[in-house]
């Protein structure tokens, strides 16, 4: 089978196709013929060699993919050959609080990921796709969509009529916009691009704030909501968390997901106390969260926003496109095509 591997030293140009043996599923594992994959910021950081956690040698990248189960190992009961499935980001986080076994089971980091024609996954490391979604649609869900669901629903306890602020128009933020609108919430989007804000409004955002022309975007958001938003999907990190805390209402919630503005910074605890803020770090989610989200997606017919699809042989170009930050929504690689 063909698979991409990342040798040392790392870098987008180092990604290369290798001819590897097709793996075989062991006890309670499944063999999946991969049809499509999608990219996340974490994948780019890993390929560039600047991710906060290390990765294995000759890594097969990417956490997110979808395909068809073609063989099951002994003891498998959750899926069968022919089922359409997506990978779970954490292969060993079924539900509840994550145990010590969860983090080492993250695909495309400590263990091989999805950028291959065939992969072996844990029985509880796959979920069935909603019938209305294509493989390319399904490949966008495991990281960005589950992260947004975890933030909005599991942490945020979102209810209809509330207001959510999403930062930017990347994968997590666009899924958060879609899910929040699906659940009857109002959405405020921020971006440095008026064109991207116009696209966010097409997808259902009630308001768009350009943080370049409106550097005090937190005050603008508070004014729009007469006191502050209920939730912020925080993907900026150290450079934006203080502003996010000022954007929420008293007792509002901030789900910290990304570090796009940098990994470190100072934040006064008095700001947390003053806003009575509920701040939670979000690291994707469990298999059970994924299944709950898929039920909601199926009932509502939600379709992921895919910006661009690249063929398998152009995976390097897909990474470069993600690096350019020109996208709105998800960047996908068609593995089967």
Protein backbone atom coordinates (compact mmCIF):
# COMPACT_ATOMS: atom_id res chain seq x y z
CA UNK A 1 0.00 0.00 0.00
CA UNK A 2 0.99 3.65 -0.41
CA UNK A 3 1.45 5.83 2.65
CA UNK A 4 3.12 9.12 3.42
CA UNK A 5 5.91 9.07 5.98
CA UNK A 6 7.67 11.90 7.78
CA UNK A 7 11.39 11.24 8.27
CA UNK A 8 13.81 13.25 10.38
CA UNK A 9 14.55 16.12 9.88
CA UNK A 10 10.97 17.18 9.41
CA UNK A 11 9.36 19.64 7.02
CA UNK A 12 6.67 19.70 4.36
CA UNK A 13 9.24 18.93 1.67
CA UNK A 14 10.34 15.87 3.65
CA UNK A 15 6.94 14.20 3.32
CA UNK A 16 7.33 11.28 0.93
CA UNK A 17 5.24 8.39 -0.35
CA UNK A 18 6.47 4.96 0.75
CA UNK A 19 5.40 1.48 -0.30
CA UNK A 20 4.52 -0.38 2.91
CA UNK A 21 2.92 -3.74 3.71
CA UNK A 22 -0.84 -3.62 4.18
CA UNK A 23 -1.43 -4.03 7.96
CA UNK A 24 -3.57 -6.79 9.48
CA UNK A 25 -6.08 -6.24 12.30
CA UNK A 26 -5.41 -7.99 15.61
CA UNK A 27 -7.82 -8.65 18.49
CA UNK A 28 -10.58 -6.00 18.60
CA UNK A 29 -9.04 -4.05 15.74
CA UNK A 30 -10.37 -3.18 12.28
CA UNK A 31 -8.73 -2.64 8.91
CA UNK A 32 -10.01 0.46 7.11
CA UNK A 33 -9.54 1.32 3.45
CA UNK A 34 -9.00 5.08 3.71
CA UNK A 35 -10.97 7.18 1.24
CA UNK A 36 -10.20 10.70 2.49
CA UNK A 37 -8.25 12.61 5.14
CA UNK A 38 -8.38 16.17 6.43
CA UNK A 39 -5.73 18.47 7.88
CA UNK A 40 -5.57 20.31 11.19
CA UNK A 41 -3.18 22.92 12.59
CA UNK A 42 -1.68 20.22 14.82
CA UNK A 43 -0.76 18.18 11.73
CA UNK A 44 1.07 21.16 10.23
CA UNK A 45 2.95 21.75 13.50
CA UNK A 46 3.99 18.08 13.63
CA UNK A 47 5.21 18.08 10.02
CA UNK A 48 7.15 21.30 10.63
CA UNK A 49 8.76 19.82 13.74
CA UNK A 50 7.47 22.41 16.20
CA UNK A 51 4.64 20.56 17.92
CA UNK A 52 4.79 20.63 21.72
CA UNK A 53 4.85 16.81 21.87
CA UNK A 54 7.22 14.56 20.00
CA UNK A 55 6.33 12.20 17.20
CA UNK A 56 7.55 8.75 16.23
CA UNK A 57 10.19 8.17 13.58
CA UNK A 58 8.92 7.77 10.01
CA UNK A 59 5.49 8.85 11.17
CA UNK A 60 2.42 8.42 8.96
CA UNK A 61 0.76 11.82 9.59
CA UNK A 62 -2.82 13.01 10.14
CA UNK A 63 -5.36 12.20 12.82
CA UNK A 64 -8.46 12.59 10.65
CA UNK A 65 -9.71 10.19 8.03
CA UNK A 66 -12.72 8.26 6.79
CA UNK A 67 -13.13 5.07 4.83
CA UNK A 68 -14.64 1.60 4.60
CA UNK A 69 -14.07 -1.26 7.02
CA UNK A 70 -12.68 -4.11 4.91
CA UNK A 71 -11.69 -6.60 7.63
CA UNK A 72 -12.26 -7.04 11.35
CA UNK A 73 -10.10 -8.83 13.88
CA UNK A 74 -11.24 -11.35 16.50
CA UNK A 75 -13.68 -10.04 19.11
CA UNK A 76 -14.95 -7.06 17.11
CA UNK A 77 -18.68 -6.41 17.54
CA UNK A 78 -19.18 -2.63 17.05
CA UNK A 79 -18.60 -2.56 13.28
CA UNK A 80 -18.45 -4.98 10.37
CA UNK A 81 -16.92 -5.15 6.90
CA UNK A 82 -18.61 -2.67 4.61
CA UNK A 83 -19.35 -0.07 7.31
CA UNK A 84 -18.47 3.56 6.53
CA UNK A 85 -16.45 4.96 9.42
CA UNK A 86 -14.28 7.84 10.59
CA UNK A 87 -11.25 7.61 12.84
CA UNK A 88 -11.33 8.79 16.44
CA UNK A 89 -8.52 11.22 17.27
CA UNK A 90 -7.81 9.33 20.50
CA UNK A 91 -7.91 5.61 19.86
CA UNK A 92 -8.30 4.82 23.56
CA UNK A 93 -10.69 7.40 24.96
CA UNK A 94 -14.11 5.80 24.91
CA UNK A 95 -15.94 8.13 27.31
CA UNK A 96 -15.87 9.91 30.64
CA UNK A 97 -12.70 11.63 31.80
CA UNK A 98 -9.61 10.75 29.72
CA UNK A 99 -7.31 8.24 31.38
CA UNK A 100 -3.51 8.06 31.08
CA UNK A 101 -3.87 5.78 28.06
CA UNK A 102 -5.69 8.41 25.99
CA UNK A 103 -2.90 10.85 25.06
CA UNK A 104 -0.42 8.24 23.77
CA UNK A 105 -3.17 6.91 21.51
CA UNK A 106 -3.56 10.16 19.50
CA UNK A 107 -3.30 9.37 15.81
CA UNK A 108 -0.64 11.05 13.70
CA UNK A 109 1.67 11.88 16.62
CA UNK A 110 2.88 9.20 18.98
CA UNK A 111 1.40 6.56 16.68
CA UNK A 112 0.88 6.37 12.94
CA UNK A 113 -2.06 8.26 11.49
CA UNK A 114 -4.42 8.23 8.54
CA UNK A 115 -2.45 9.41 5.48
CA UNK A 116 -2.28 5.92 3.98
CA UNK A 117 -4.39 3.70 1.76
CA UNK A 118 -5.08 1.25 4.61
CA UNK A 119 -4.91 1.68 8.39
CA UNK A 120 -5.59 -0.52 11.40
CA UNK A 121 -7.66 1.16 14.13
CA UNK A 122 -9.04 0.07 17.47
CA UNK A 123 -12.62 -1.20 17.53
CA UNK A 124 -13.52 1.71 19.81
CA UNK A 125 -11.35 4.03 17.72
CA UNK A 126 -13.87 4.35 14.89
CA UNK A 127 -17.41 5.71 14.60
CA UNK A 128 -19.98 5.16 11.85
CA UNK A 129 -20.62 8.06 9.50
CA UNK A 130 -24.04 9.71 9.13
CA UNK A 131 -25.63 8.41 5.92
CA UNK A 132 -25.86 11.82 4.23
CA UNK A 133 -22.12 12.53 4.50
CA UNK A 134 -19.52 11.61 1.87
CA UNK A 135 -16.15 10.18 2.85
CA UNK A 136 -14.64 13.62 2.29
CA UNK A 137 -17.25 15.13 4.62
CA UNK A 138 -16.64 12.43 7.22
CA UNK A 139 -12.88 12.96 7.13
CA UNK A 140 -13.35 16.50 8.49
CA UNK A 141 -15.05 15.42 11.72
CA UNK A 142 -12.61 13.62 14.09
CA UNK A 143 -10.60 16.57 15.40
CA UNK A 144 -12.18 19.93 14.51
CA UNK A 145 -15.84 18.98 14.76
CA UNK A 146 -15.49 16.90 17.94
CA UNK A 147 -13.44 19.69 19.52
CA UNK A 148 -16.17 22.23 18.72
CA UNK A 149 -18.86 19.88 20.08
CA UNK A 150 -16.87 19.25 23.27
CA UNK A 151 -16.46 22.99 23.79
CA UNK A 152 -20.04 24.03 23.04
CA UNK A 153 -22.02 21.13 24.46
CA UNK A 154 -19.93 19.14 26.92
CA UNK A 155 -18.23 22.17 28.50
CA UNK A 156 -20.49 25.02 27.48
CA UNK A 157 -23.89 23.37 27.98
CA UNK A 158 -25.11 25.50 25.10
CA UNK A 159 -28.81 26.27 24.95
CA UNK A 160 -30.90 28.00 22.31
CA UNK A 161 -30.84 31.78 22.47
CA UNK A 162 -27.31 32.08 23.83
CA UNK A 163 -24.48 33.85 22.00
CA UNK A 164 -21.17 32.29 20.95
CA UNK A 165 -18.08 34.12 19.71
CA UNK A 166 -15.81 32.18 17.36
CA UNK A 167 -12.30 33.34 16.49
CA UNK A 168 -11.30 33.09 12.86
CA UNK A 169 -12.59 30.80 10.12
CA UNK A 170 -10.49 27.67 10.52
CA UNK A 171 -11.86 24.18 10.98
CA UNK A 172 -12.81 24.34 14.68
CA UNK A 173 -14.30 27.82 14.44
CA UNK A 174 -16.43 27.05 11.38
CA UNK A 175 -17.72 23.83 12.94
CA UNK A 176 -18.50 25.77 16.12
CA UNK A 177 -20.41 28.31 14.04
CA UNK A 178 -22.41 25.57 12.30
CA UNK A 179 -23.14 23.59 15.46
CA UNK A 180 -24.09 26.67 17.44
CA UNK A 181 -26.51 27.81 14.73
CA UNK A 182 -27.89 24.28 14.50
CA UNK A 183 -28.68 24.49 18.22
CA UNK A 184 -30.38 27.87 17.99
CA UNK A 185 -27.55 30.08 19.24
CA UNK A 186 -26.42 33.43 17.83
CA UNK A 187 -22.84 33.60 16.56
CA UNK A 188 -20.33 36.45 16.39
CA UNK A 189 -17.26 35.75 14.22
CA UNK A 190 -13.92 37.55 14.27
CA UNK A 191 -11.35 37.63 11.49
CA UNK A 192 -8.75 39.93 9.93
CA UNK A 193 -10.41 39.42 6.54
CA UNK A 194 -13.68 41.07 5.51
CA UNK A 195 -14.07 38.44 2.79
CA UNK A 196 -13.85 35.65 5.38
CA UNK A 197 -16.32 37.48 7.62
CA UNK A 198 -18.73 37.68 4.68
CA UNK A 199 -18.40 33.91 4.24
CA UNK A 200 -19.05 33.40 7.97
CA UNK A 201 -22.23 35.45 7.65
CA UNK A 202 -23.30 33.28 4.71
CA UNK A 203 -22.91 30.30 7.05
CA UNK A 204 -25.14 31.92 9.67
CA UNK A 205 -23.03 34.29 11.76
CA UNK A 206 -25.15 37.23 12.94
CA UNK A 207 -22.19 39.59 13.25
CA UNK A 208 -18.62 39.82 12.01
CA UNK A 209 -15.84 41.83 13.66
CA UNK A 210 -12.60 42.58 11.84
CA UNK A 211 -10.01 42.57 14.60
CA UNK A 212 -7.53 44.51 12.47
CA UNK A 213 -9.84 47.48 11.95
CA UNK A 214 -11.50 46.96 15.35
CA UNK A 215 -8.64 46.04 17.70
CA UNK A 216 -10.95 46.33 20.72
CA UNK A 217 -13.09 43.53 19.37
CA UNK A 218 -13.90 42.33 22.87
CA UNK A 219 -15.67 45.62 23.59
CA UNK A 220 -17.52 45.42 20.28
CA UNK A 221 -18.72 41.91 21.13
CA UNK A 222 -19.84 42.99 24.59
CA UNK A 223 -21.74 45.92 23.08
CA UNK A 224 -23.47 43.70 20.52
CA UNK A 225 -24.74 41.43 23.31
CA UNK A 226 -25.48 44.10 25.92
CA UNK A 227 -23.05 42.75 28.47
CA UNK A 228 -21.04 39.95 26.90
CA UNK A 229 -21.28 36.65 25.06
CA UNK A 230 -22.11 33.37 26.77
CA UNK A 231 -19.20 31.45 25.27
CA UNK A 232 -15.95 32.07 23.41
CA UNK A 233 -14.28 29.45 21.23
CA UNK A 234 -10.70 30.52 21.99
CA UNK A 235 -8.18 29.43 19.36
CA UNK A 236 -5.67 32.29 19.63
CA UNK A 237 -4.01 31.49 22.93
CA UNK A 238 -1.89 33.84 25.00
CA UNK A 239 -2.45 36.82 22.74
CA UNK A 240 -6.25 36.66 22.81
CA UNK A 241 -7.32 35.00 26.08
CA UNK A 242 -7.43 38.29 28.04
CA UNK A 243 -9.68 39.80 25.37
CA UNK A 244 -11.87 36.69 25.37
CA UNK A 245 -12.34 37.06 29.11
CA UNK A 246 -13.46 40.64 28.60
CA UNK A 247 -15.84 39.59 25.82
CA UNK A 248 -17.86 37.17 27.99
CA UNK A 249 -20.71 38.06 30.31
CA UNK A 250 -20.16 37.63 34.02
CA UNK A 251 -19.97 33.90 34.58
CA UNK A 252 -19.43 33.21 30.89
CA UNK A 253 -17.34 30.38 29.49
CA UNK A 254 -14.12 30.29 27.50
CA UNK A 255 -13.06 27.06 25.81
CA UNK A 256 -9.31 27.23 25.20
CA UNK A 257 -8.47 25.19 22.13
CA UNK A 258 -5.54 26.68 20.22
CA UNK A 259 -2.32 28.63 20.57
CA UNK A 260 -2.18 30.38 17.20
CA UNK A 261 -0.83 33.60 18.75
CA UNK A 262 1.87 31.78 20.72
CA UNK A 263 2.19 29.23 23.52
CA UNK A 264 2.99 31.49 26.46
CA UNK A 265 1.92 34.73 28.05
CA UNK A 266 0.87 36.45 31.25
CA UNK A 267 -2.69 36.63 32.48
CA UNK A 268 -3.79 38.21 35.72
CA UNK A 269 -5.93 35.97 37.96
CA UNK A 270 -7.85 39.12 38.86
CA UNK A 271 -9.30 39.10 35.36
CA UNK A 272 -10.59 35.57 35.90
CA UNK A 273 -12.05 36.53 39.24
CA UNK A 274 -13.52 39.76 38.00
CA UNK A 275 -15.33 38.07 35.13
CA UNK A 276 -16.27 35.04 37.26
CA UNK A 277 -15.07 33.14 34.23
CA UNK A 278 -15.34 29.43 33.57
CA UNK A 279 -12.23 28.55 31.53
CA UNK A 280 -11.60 25.04 30.25
CA UNK A 281 -8.83 23.59 28.11
CA UNK A 282 -10.28 21.39 25.36
CA UNK A 283 -8.34 18.56 23.74
CA UNK A 284 -10.64 17.04 21.09
CA UNK A 285 -12.98 14.51 22.76
CA UNK A 286 -14.02 10.91 23.33
CA UNK A 287 -15.63 8.31 21.09
CA UNK A 288 -18.92 8.83 22.92
CA UNK A 289 -18.81 12.59 22.25
CA UNK A 290 -18.17 11.81 18.57
CA UNK A 291 -21.17 9.50 18.40
CA UNK A 292 -23.43 12.03 20.17
CA UNK A 293 -22.33 14.74 17.73
CA UNK A 294 -22.95 12.47 14.75
CA UNK A 295 -26.50 11.81 15.92
CA UNK A 296 -27.13 15.56 16.02
CA UNK A 297 -25.48 16.03 12.62
CA UNK A 298 -27.62 13.26 11.12
CA UNK A 299 -30.91 14.64 12.49
CA UNK A 300 -30.13 18.16 11.26
CA UNK A 301 -28.47 17.24 7.96
CA UNK A 302 -25.40 19.38 8.72
CA UNK A 303 -22.75 19.39 5.96
CA UNK A 304 -19.14 20.28 6.79
CA UNK A 305 -17.55 23.26 5.04
CA UNK A 306 -14.74 22.00 2.81
CA UNK A 307 -12.57 24.71 1.30
CA UNK A 308 -10.43 22.62 -1.05
CA UNK A 309 -9.75 18.96 -1.90
CA UNK A 310 -6.32 17.76 -3.00
CA UNK A 311 -5.45 14.39 -4.60
CA UNK A 312 -3.30 11.97 -2.63
CA UNK A 313 -0.20 12.68 -4.70
CA UNK A 314 -0.46 16.39 -3.84
CA UNK A 315 -0.43 16.03 -0.04
CA UNK A 316 2.51 18.45 0.23
CA UNK A 317 0.44 21.08 -1.57
CA UNK A 318 -2.41 20.50 0.88
CA UNK A 319 -0.09 21.24 3.80
CA UNK A 320 1.21 24.37 2.07
CA UNK A 321 -2.33 25.56 1.47
CA UNK A 322 -3.21 25.07 5.14
CA UNK A 323 -0.02 26.95 6.05
CA UNK A 324 -1.12 29.89 3.88
CA UNK A 325 -4.24 30.37 6.07
CA UNK A 326 -6.26 31.15 2.95
CA UNK A 327 -8.88 28.53 3.77
CA UNK A 328 -12.33 28.81 5.30
CA UNK A 329 -13.32 25.50 6.87
CA UNK A 330 -11.43 22.29 6.12
CA UNK A 331 -8.67 21.21 3.76
CA UNK A 332 -9.13 17.62 2.54
CA UNK A 333 -6.98 15.00 0.81
CA UNK A 334 -8.75 12.46 -1.42
CA UNK A 335 -6.84 9.24 -0.75
CA UNK A 336 -8.89 6.97 -3.02
CA UNK A 337 -8.79 9.26 -6.06
